[in-house]
């Protein structure tokens, strides 16, 4: 299955990865951020295990779209 994110990610975009890289698959969010950082046309943040610590930064950027990446 292929998902086209162009239609979903509109305006100013922030992508935040959530998880703990030490805990195997729980590190998917931060790992993906590391892979796409610099190549994505979005601000990419590694939220680690405490993404709430980035709420101020996210609010200050005033994005149109926030994409949260987490292993569930």
Protein backbone atom coordinates (compact mmCIF):
# COMPACT_ATOMS: atom_id res chain seq x y z
CA UNK A 1 0.00 0.00 0.00
CA UNK A 2 1.34 3.40 -0.94
CA UNK A 3 0.15 6.61 0.69
CA UNK A 4 0.48 9.97 -1.02
CA UNK A 5 1.18 12.51 1.72
CA UNK A 6 1.25 15.52 -0.64
CA UNK A 7 -2.49 15.96 -0.34
CA UNK A 8 -2.38 15.68 3.44
CA UNK A 9 0.72 17.68 4.38
CA UNK A 10 -0.28 21.23 3.48
CA UNK A 11 1.19 24.60 4.35
CA UNK A 12 3.93 24.80 6.96
CA UNK A 13 4.57 21.25 8.17
CA UNK A 14 6.24 19.87 11.28
CA UNK A 15 7.01 16.18 11.57
CA UNK A 16 7.72 14.92 15.08
CA UNK A 17 9.02 11.43 15.79
CA UNK A 18 8.18 9.86 19.14
CA UNK A 19 9.87 6.91 20.80
CA UNK A 20 12.92 5.45 22.46
CA UNK A 21 15.66 4.20 20.10
CA UNK A 22 17.04 1.94 22.82
CA UNK A 23 13.78 -0.06 22.92
CA UNK A 24 13.84 -1.57 19.43
CA UNK A 25 10.72 -0.89 17.38
CA UNK A 26 9.67 1.84 19.84
CA UNK A 27 12.46 3.90 18.24
CA UNK A 28 10.75 4.07 14.85
CA UNK A 29 9.73 7.75 15.20
CA UNK A 30 13.20 9.10 16.04
CA UNK A 31 14.82 6.78 13.48
CA UNK A 32 12.56 8.04 10.70
CA UNK A 33 13.26 11.66 11.67
CA UNK A 34 17.00 10.97 11.48
CA UNK A 35 16.57 9.46 7.99
CA UNK A 36 14.43 12.27 6.51
CA UNK A 37 15.99 15.28 8.28
CA UNK A 38 17.54 17.61 5.73
CA UNK A 39 15.69 16.01 2.82
CA UNK A 40 12.13 16.79 3.89
CA UNK A 41 10.42 20.07 3.12
CA UNK A 42 9.28 20.22 6.73
CA UNK A 43 10.70 20.94 10.15
CA UNK A 44 11.65 17.57 11.61
CA UNK A 45 11.83 17.07 15.38
CA UNK A 46 12.94 14.07 17.42
CA UNK A 47 10.51 14.20 20.33
CA UNK A 48 12.05 11.16 22.01
CA UNK A 49 9.97 9.91 24.91
CA UNK A 50 8.75 13.38 25.95
CA UNK A 51 7.22 15.09 22.90
CA UNK A 52 5.31 17.44 25.20
CA UNK A 53 8.62 19.23 25.76
CA UNK A 54 8.39 20.46 22.14
CA UNK A 55 4.89 21.97 22.34
CA UNK A 56 6.26 25.48 22.84
CA UNK A 57 8.56 25.16 19.84
CA UNK A 58 5.76 23.74 17.70
CA UNK A 59 3.34 26.50 18.75
CA UNK A 60 5.98 29.17 18.06
CA UNK A 61 6.40 27.85 14.50
CA UNK A 62 2.62 28.08 13.98
CA UNK A 63 2.38 25.14 11.55
CA UNK A 64 -0.61 24.30 9.38
CA UNK A 65 0.04 20.59 9.75
CA UNK A 66 1.71 18.45 12.42
CA UNK A 67 2.49 14.83 11.54
CA UNK A 68 3.22 12.62 14.56
CA UNK A 69 5.21 9.44 13.91
CA UNK A 70 5.05 6.82 16.67
CA UNK A 71 5.16 3.03 16.94
CA UNK A 72 1.97 1.77 18.51
